[in-house]
Protein backbone atom coordinates (compact mmCIF):
# COMPACT_ATOMS: atom_id res chain seq x y z
CA UNK A 1 20.74 1.63 -18.98
CA UNK A 2 19.96 5.22 -17.84
CA UNK A 3 18.15 6.03 -21.01
CA UNK A 4 16.15 2.79 -20.85
CA UNK A 5 15.29 3.53 -17.23
CA UNK A 6 14.05 7.08 -18.14
CA UNK A 7 11.99 5.66 -20.99
CA UNK A 8 10.43 3.13 -18.72
CA UNK A 9 9.39 5.89 -16.30
CA UNK A 10 7.29 7.66 -18.93
CA UNK A 11 5.87 4.36 -20.14
CA UNK A 12 4.97 3.41 -16.61
CA UNK A 13 3.24 6.77 -15.95
CA UNK A 14 1.23 6.59 -19.16
CA UNK A 15 0.25 2.99 -18.42
CA UNK A 16 -0.95 3.86 -14.93
CA UNK A 17 -2.91 6.71 -16.29
CA UNK A 18 -4.74 4.54 -18.70
CA UNK A 19 -5.42 2.02 -15.98
CA UNK A 20 -6.79 4.81 -13.78
CA UNK A 21 -9.10 5.93 -16.54
CA UNK A 22 -10.44 2.40 -16.98
CA UNK A 23 -10.89 1.91 -13.23
CA UNK A 24 -12.74 5.17 -13.01
CA UNK A 25 -15.06 4.21 -15.80
CA UNK A 26 -15.84 0.90 -14.23
CA UNK A 27 -16.56 2.63 -10.85
CA UNK A 28 -18.78 5.15 -12.53
CA UNK A 29 -20.70 3.01 -15.02
CA UNK A 30 -20.17 -0.67 -13.94
CA UNK A 31 -23.14 -2.64 -12.79
CA UNK A 32 -23.26 -3.41 -9.05
CA UNK A 33 -22.46 -7.16 -8.90
CA UNK A 34 -21.99 -9.58 -6.07
CA UNK A 35 -18.39 -10.51 -5.36
CA UNK A 36 -16.70 -12.85 -2.99
CA UNK A 37 -13.15 -13.02 -1.69
CA UNK A 38 -10.98 -15.75 -2.97
CA UNK A 39 -12.01 -19.04 -1.32
CA UNK A 40 -10.11 -20.26 1.64
CA UNK A 41 -10.09 -23.80 3.01
CA UNK A 42 -11.12 -24.37 6.59
CA UNK A 43 -10.08 -27.68 8.21
CA UNK A 44 -12.01 -29.27 10.96
CA UNK A 45 -11.05 -32.44 12.95
CA UNK A 46 -13.21 -34.76 15.05
CA UNK A 47 -12.82 -38.24 16.40
CA UNK A 48 -14.90 -41.18 15.43
CA UNK A 49 -16.25 -43.47 18.11
CA UNK A 50 -15.10 -46.65 16.48
CA UNK A 51 -12.97 -47.84 13.70
CA UNK A 52 -9.97 -46.30 12.02
CA UNK A 53 -8.95 -43.60 11.22
CA UNK A 54 -9.19 -42.01 14.74
CA UNK A 55 -9.45 -38.62 13.19
CA UNK A 56 -11.34 -37.51 10.12
CA UNK A 57 -10.46 -34.16 8.47
CA UNK A 58 -13.23 -32.38 6.54
CA UNK A 59 -12.82 -29.27 4.51
CA UNK A 60 -15.34 -26.66 3.64
CA UNK A 61 -15.18 -23.56 1.52
CA UNK A 62 -15.93 -20.19 3.04
CA UNK A 63 -16.21 -16.94 1.13
CA UNK A 64 -17.45 -13.53 2.31
CA UNK A 65 -19.63 -11.73 -0.22
CA UNK A 66 -20.43 -8.15 -1.00
CA UNK A 67 -21.26 -6.06 -4.00
CA UNK A 68 -19.09 -3.74 -6.21
CA UNK A 69 -19.24 -2.13 -9.59
CA UNK A 70 -18.06 -4.69 -12.33
CA UNK A 71 -17.69 -4.66 -16.05
CA UNK A 72 -15.17 -5.63 -18.76
CA UNK A 73 -13.29 -2.30 -18.51
CA UNK A 74 -12.17 -3.25 -14.94
CA UNK A 75 -10.65 -6.51 -16.10
CA UNK A 76 -8.81 -4.64 -18.84
CA UNK A 77 -7.65 -2.02 -16.20
CA UNK A 78 -6.26 -4.78 -13.99
CA UNK A 79 -4.30 -6.21 -16.94
CA UNK A 80 -3.00 -2.77 -17.81
CA UNK A 81 -1.95 -2.18 -14.10
CA UNK A 82 -0.19 -5.47 -14.21
CA UNK A 83 1.71 -4.28 -17.28
CA UNK A 84 2.57 -1.03 -15.51
CA UNK A 85 3.81 -3.02 -12.50
CA UNK A 86 6.22 -4.90 -14.81
CA UNK A 87 7.41 -1.66 -16.46
CA UNK A 88 7.98 -0.25 -12.92
CA UNK A 89 9.92 -3.29 -11.86
CA UNK A 90 12.01 -3.01 -14.99
CA UNK A 91 12.71 0.55 -14.30
CA UNK A 92 13.91 -0.15 -10.83
CA UNK A 93 16.25 -2.84 -12.11
CA UNK A 94 17.71 -0.74 -14.93
CA UNK A 95 18.10 2.23 -12.67
CA UNK A 96 20.10 0.05 -10.20
CA UNK A 97 22.24 -1.28 -13.08
CA UNK A 98 22.80 2.24 -14.31
CA UNK A 99 23.89 3.58 -10.88
CA UNK A 100 25.85 0.48 -10.00
CA UNK A 101 24.10 0.13 -6.57
CA UNK A 102 20.84 -0.55 -4.95
CA UNK A 103 18.15 1.61 -6.62
CA UNK A 104 16.55 3.58 -3.77
CA UNK A 105 19.21 5.92 -2.71
CA UNK A 106 17.55 9.29 -3.24
CA UNK A 107 14.01 10.64 -3.08
CA UNK A 108 13.24 10.07 -6.71
CA UNK A 109 14.29 6.41 -6.52
CA UNK A 110 12.41 6.05 -3.16
CA UNK A 111 9.15 7.27 -4.70
CA UNK A 112 9.36 4.97 -7.65
CA UNK A 113 10.07 1.92 -5.44
CA UNK A 114 7.24 2.96 -3.07
CA UNK A 115 4.78 3.16 -5.93
CA UNK A 116 5.99 -0.20 -7.16
CA UNK A 117 5.12 -1.81 -3.89
CA UNK A 118 1.81 0.09 -3.68
CA UNK A 119 0.72 -1.22 -7.13
CA UNK A 120 1.89 -4.69 -6.23
CA UNK A 121 -0.16 -4.53 -3.05
CA UNK A 122 -3.23 -3.33 -5.20
CA UNK A 123 -2.77 -6.37 -7.45
CA UNK A 124 -2.65 -8.70 -4.50
CA UNK A 125 -5.79 -7.11 -2.99
CA UNK A 126 -7.46 -7.54 -6.36
CA UNK A 127 -6.68 -11.26 -6.35
CA UNK A 128 -7.19 -11.97 -2.65
CA UNK A 129 -10.25 -9.80 -1.89
CA UNK A 130 -11.59 -9.19 -5.38
CA UNK A 131 -10.79 -5.56 -4.51
CA UNK A 132 -10.02 -3.97 -7.89
CA UNK A 133 -12.45 -1.20 -6.91
CA UNK A 134 -9.43 0.16 -4.96
CA UNK A 135 -7.66 0.86 -8.19
CA UNK A 136 -8.95 4.48 -8.44
CA UNK A 137 -8.11 5.26 -4.85
CA UNK A 138 -4.57 3.81 -5.07
CA UNK A 139 -3.51 4.87 -8.56
CA UNK A 140 -4.51 8.57 -7.96
CA UNK A 141 -1.77 9.02 -5.19
CA UNK A 142 0.64 6.78 -7.21
CA UNK A 143 0.32 9.12 -10.26
CA UNK A 144 0.62 12.19 -8.13
CA UNK A 145 3.76 10.90 -6.45
CA UNK A 146 5.34 9.84 -9.71
CA UNK A 147 4.51 13.17 -11.25
CA UNK A 148 6.18 14.91 -8.33
CA UNK A 149 9.29 12.58 -8.59
CA UNK A 150 9.69 13.03 -12.30
CA UNK A 151 9.07 16.80 -12.37
CA UNK A 152 10.98 17.98 -9.27
CA UNK A 153 12.92 15.17 -7.67
CA UNK A 154 14.63 13.52 -10.68
CA UNK A 155 18.45 13.19 -10.44
CA UNK A 156 20.77 11.28 -12.67
CA UNK A 157 21.93 7.90 -11.50
CA UNK A 158 25.27 8.15 -9.60
CA UNK A 159 27.05 7.19 -6.44
CA UNK A 160 25.77 7.72 -2.99
CA UNK A 161 26.97 10.33 -0.49
CA UNK A 162 29.31 8.83 2.05
CA UNK A 163 26.78 8.69 4.91
CA UNK A 164 24.49 6.41 2.79
CA UNK A 165 27.32 3.84 1.99
CA UNK A 166 26.30 1.28 4.50
CA UNK A 167 24.63 -2.00 3.94
CA UNK A 168 22.10 -1.08 6.68
CA UNK A 169 20.71 1.68 4.49
CA UNK A 170 19.20 -0.57 1.74
CA UNK A 171 17.81 -2.89 4.37
CA UNK A 172 16.29 0.08 6.27
CA UNK A 173 14.85 1.78 3.19
CA UNK A 174 13.58 -1.46 1.58
CA UNK A 175 11.63 -2.35 4.82
CA UNK A 176 10.23 1.13 5.08
CA UNK A 177 9.37 1.04 1.31
CA UNK A 178 7.43 -2.20 1.58
CA UNK A 179 5.65 -0.97 4.67
CA UNK A 180 4.84 2.36 3.03
CA UNK A 181 3.45 0.71 -0.11
CA UNK A 182 1.21 -1.62 1.99
CA UNK A 183 0.06 1.38 4.17
CA UNK A 184 -0.96 3.25 0.97
CA UNK A 185 -3.33 0.44 0.11
CA UNK A 186 -4.53 0.30 3.60
CA UNK A 187 -5.03 4.08 3.67
CA UNK A 188 -6.81 3.97 0.36
CA UNK A 189 -9.10 1.25 1.77
CA UNK A 190 -9.64 3.33 4.87
CA UNK A 191 -10.63 6.42 2.94
CA UNK A 192 -12.93 4.34 0.73
CA UNK A 193 -14.48 2.91 3.95
CA UNK A 194 -15.32 6.41 5.15
CA UNK A 195 -17.05 7.22 1.89
CA UNK A 196 -18.90 3.77 1.92
CA UNK A 197 -19.93 4.12 5.52
CA UNK A 198 -21.42 7.52 4.86
CA UNK A 199 -23.32 6.16 1.90
CA UNK A 200 -24.64 3.36 3.96
CA UNK A 201 -25.83 5.79 6.70
CA UNK A 202 -27.65 7.89 4.02
CA UNK A 203 -29.39 4.75 2.65
CA UNK A 204 -30.47 3.78 6.23
CA UNK A 205 -32.16 7.27 6.35
CA UNK A 206 -33.99 6.61 3.09
CA UNK A 207 -31.70 8.86 0.97
CA UNK A 208 -30.59 7.99 -2.49
CA UNK A 209 -26.89 7.70 -2.96
CA UNK A 210 -25.75 8.46 -6.54
CA UNK A 211 -22.31 8.37 -8.22
CA UNK A 212 -19.31 6.21 -7.33
CA UNK A 213 -20.15 6.55 -3.53
CA UNK A 214 -23.29 4.62 -4.10
CA UNK A 215 -21.52 1.77 -5.90
CA UNK A 216 -18.70 1.02 -3.35
CA UNK A 217 -18.63 -2.38 -1.63
CA UNK A 218 -19.64 -2.92 1.97
CA UNK A 219 -17.74 -1.03 4.73
CA UNK A 220 -16.97 -4.30 6.43
CA UNK A 221 -14.95 -5.61 3.55
CA UNK A 222 -13.04 -2.31 3.25
CA UNK A 223 -12.45 -2.34 7.02
CA UNK A 224 -11.05 -5.93 6.80
CA UNK A 225 -8.78 -5.09 3.84
CA UNK A 226 -7.43 -2.02 5.69
CA UNK A 227 -6.78 -4.06 8.88
CA UNK A 228 -5.00 -6.96 6.95
CA UNK A 229 -2.58 -4.63 5.22
CA UNK A 230 -1.60 -2.87 8.44
CA UNK A 231 -1.00 -6.27 10.09
CA UNK A 232 1.45 -6.87 7.34
CA UNK A 233 2.98 -3.45 7.31
CA UNK A 234 3.47 -2.68 10.94
CA UNK A 235 6.18 -5.27 11.73
CA UNK A 236 8.20 -4.11 8.64
CA UNK A 237 7.72 -0.51 9.76
CA UNK A 238 9.13 -1.48 13.27
CA UNK A 239 12.00 -3.32 11.72
CA UNK A 240 12.64 -0.41 9.36
CA UNK A 241 12.97 1.99 12.41
CA UNK A 242 15.28 -0.42 14.07
CA UNK A 243 17.51 -0.89 11.03
CA UNK A 244 17.59 2.89 10.62
CA UNK A 245 18.75 3.29 14.25
CA UNK A 246 21.57 0.89 13.60
CA UNK A 247 22.67 2.68 10.56
CA UNK A 248 22.53 6.04 12.40
CA UNK A 249 24.86 4.58 15.05
CA UNK A 250 27.31 3.54 12.34
CA UNK A 251 27.11 6.94 10.51
CA UNK A 252 26.90 9.38 13.38
CA UNK A 253 27.70 7.37 16.54
CA UNK A 254 24.18 7.56 17.98
CA UNK A 255 21.14 5.33 17.73
CA UNK A 256 18.56 8.08 18.16
CA UNK A 257 18.85 11.86 17.85
CA UNK A 258 15.32 13.23 17.98
CA UNK A 259 15.67 14.91 14.63
CA UNK A 260 12.38 15.55 12.72
CA UNK A 261 12.62 12.39 10.60
CA UNK A 262 13.02 10.24 13.55
CA UNK A 263 10.32 11.96 15.57
CA UNK A 264 7.77 11.63 12.83
CA UNK A 265 8.67 7.94 12.14
CA UNK A 266 7.97 7.35 15.84
CA UNK A 267 4.79 9.26 15.75
CA UNK A 268 3.59 7.15 12.84
CA UNK A 269 4.64 3.94 14.71
CA UNK A 270 2.69 4.99 17.79
CA UNK A 271 -0.39 5.74 15.79
CA UNK A 272 -0.43 2.38 14.06
CA UNK A 273 0.43 0.65 17.30
CA UNK A 274 -2.62 2.35 18.91
CA UNK A 275 -4.70 1.34 15.97
CA UNK A 276 -3.80 -2.33 16.33
CA UNK A 277 -3.99 -2.24 20.12
CA UNK A 278 -7.48 -0.69 19.99
CA UNK A 279 -8.75 -3.39 17.65
CA UNK A 280 -7.10 -6.25 19.58
CA UNK A 281 -8.07 -5.27 23.18
CA UNK A 282 -10.77 -2.53 22.84
CA UNK A 283 -12.82 -4.22 20.19
CA UNK A 284 -12.71 -1.01 18.08
CA UNK A 285 -14.11 -1.58 14.59
CA UNK A 286 -15.44 0.50 11.89
CA UNK A 287 -15.26 4.34 11.85
CA UNK A 288 -13.33 5.02 14.99
CA UNK A 289 -10.50 2.53 14.06
CA UNK A 290 -10.50 3.65 10.50
CA UNK A 291 -9.93 7.27 11.43
CA UNK A 292 -6.81 6.31 13.38
CA UNK A 293 -5.63 4.27 10.43
CA UNK A 294 -6.15 7.18 8.01
CA UNK A 295 -4.34 9.57 10.37
CA UNK A 296 -1.51 7.20 10.57
CA UNK A 297 -1.44 6.90 6.80
CA UNK A 298 -1.30 10.68 6.34
CA UNK A 299 1.43 10.87 9.07
CA UNK A 300 3.55 8.30 7.08
CA UNK A 301 3.07 10.26 3.83
CA UNK A 302 3.96 13.52 5.51
CA UNK A 303 7.09 11.93 7.00
CA UNK A 304 8.17 10.44 3.69
CA UNK A 305 7.83 13.47 1.52
CA UNK A 306 7.50 16.72 3.47
CA UNK A 307 9.86 15.93 6.29
CA UNK A 308 12.41 14.04 4.20
CA UNK A 309 12.35 16.56 1.46
CA UNK A 310 13.02 19.36 3.87
CA UNK A 311 15.69 17.72 5.90
CA UNK A 312 17.30 15.28 3.38
CA UNK A 313 17.27 17.36 0.19
CA UNK A 314 16.90 15.73 -3.26
CA UNK A 315 19.97 13.52 -3.21
CA UNK A 316 19.44 11.25 -0.19
CA UNK A 317 16.84 9.40 1.67
CA UNK A 318 17.12 8.24 5.30
């Protein structure tokens, strides 16, 4: 199983690299085409003055439209990305079978699982929002992280250190993994928003915008995608911190110790909470809110890799 898992890692990296190339070609040379989110059904009810039934339900289709680069290469890229996702899922399963435990017990396994969730989130965004244009912005960090994991963080599958032998650890790490993967897509959408917003500002001044920046979809769609993924990720991030605190109490007899990992997790939580609060009560939209989101995303990535690497080493994640 260990050799199969290692082979799948290489296959997965190559597959994602091919998909990235195809997404980039579509972004650079695809024709700017109108796209619409997947259609949603809106139900309305009203009462008739006479005769049954007392209520009549009508439905109508609603779809928000924008433009984005489109060609056949993008559809192929999405198919290749789906294949890479299946390779990644198979790698995680075989790694767990080889280790005889849940397969996210060290930094290498954590990175692979995080990238699995990020690519899954990209596939969902491509279906729900027709947002395959995010493929370039998501697969670049995915490939960088996988390269770092394979080159510097790889360890052979084996048993966990005693402090990690608690059922709260897989719960904590899985919640954080899912939240982190969703925040990667949200962060990618936020960064894409900033590029698109700048391009729109240049167009408003009569300047010509060339290259990929000139082909991106509307900032409004990117802002909506970024917000929706944070709405999904934030409760999981909150639960992950709580589960980690319960595990810390089991392992070391305290819920919170203000070590760097806990502090940076809390900082990330505060930033995302401020982002959601500003949107809900302050009416923040667009550039101001997106900058908070991007800062939160960078904080999460810093916590995952810089802080955890420095203070957890290569053989454990917590």
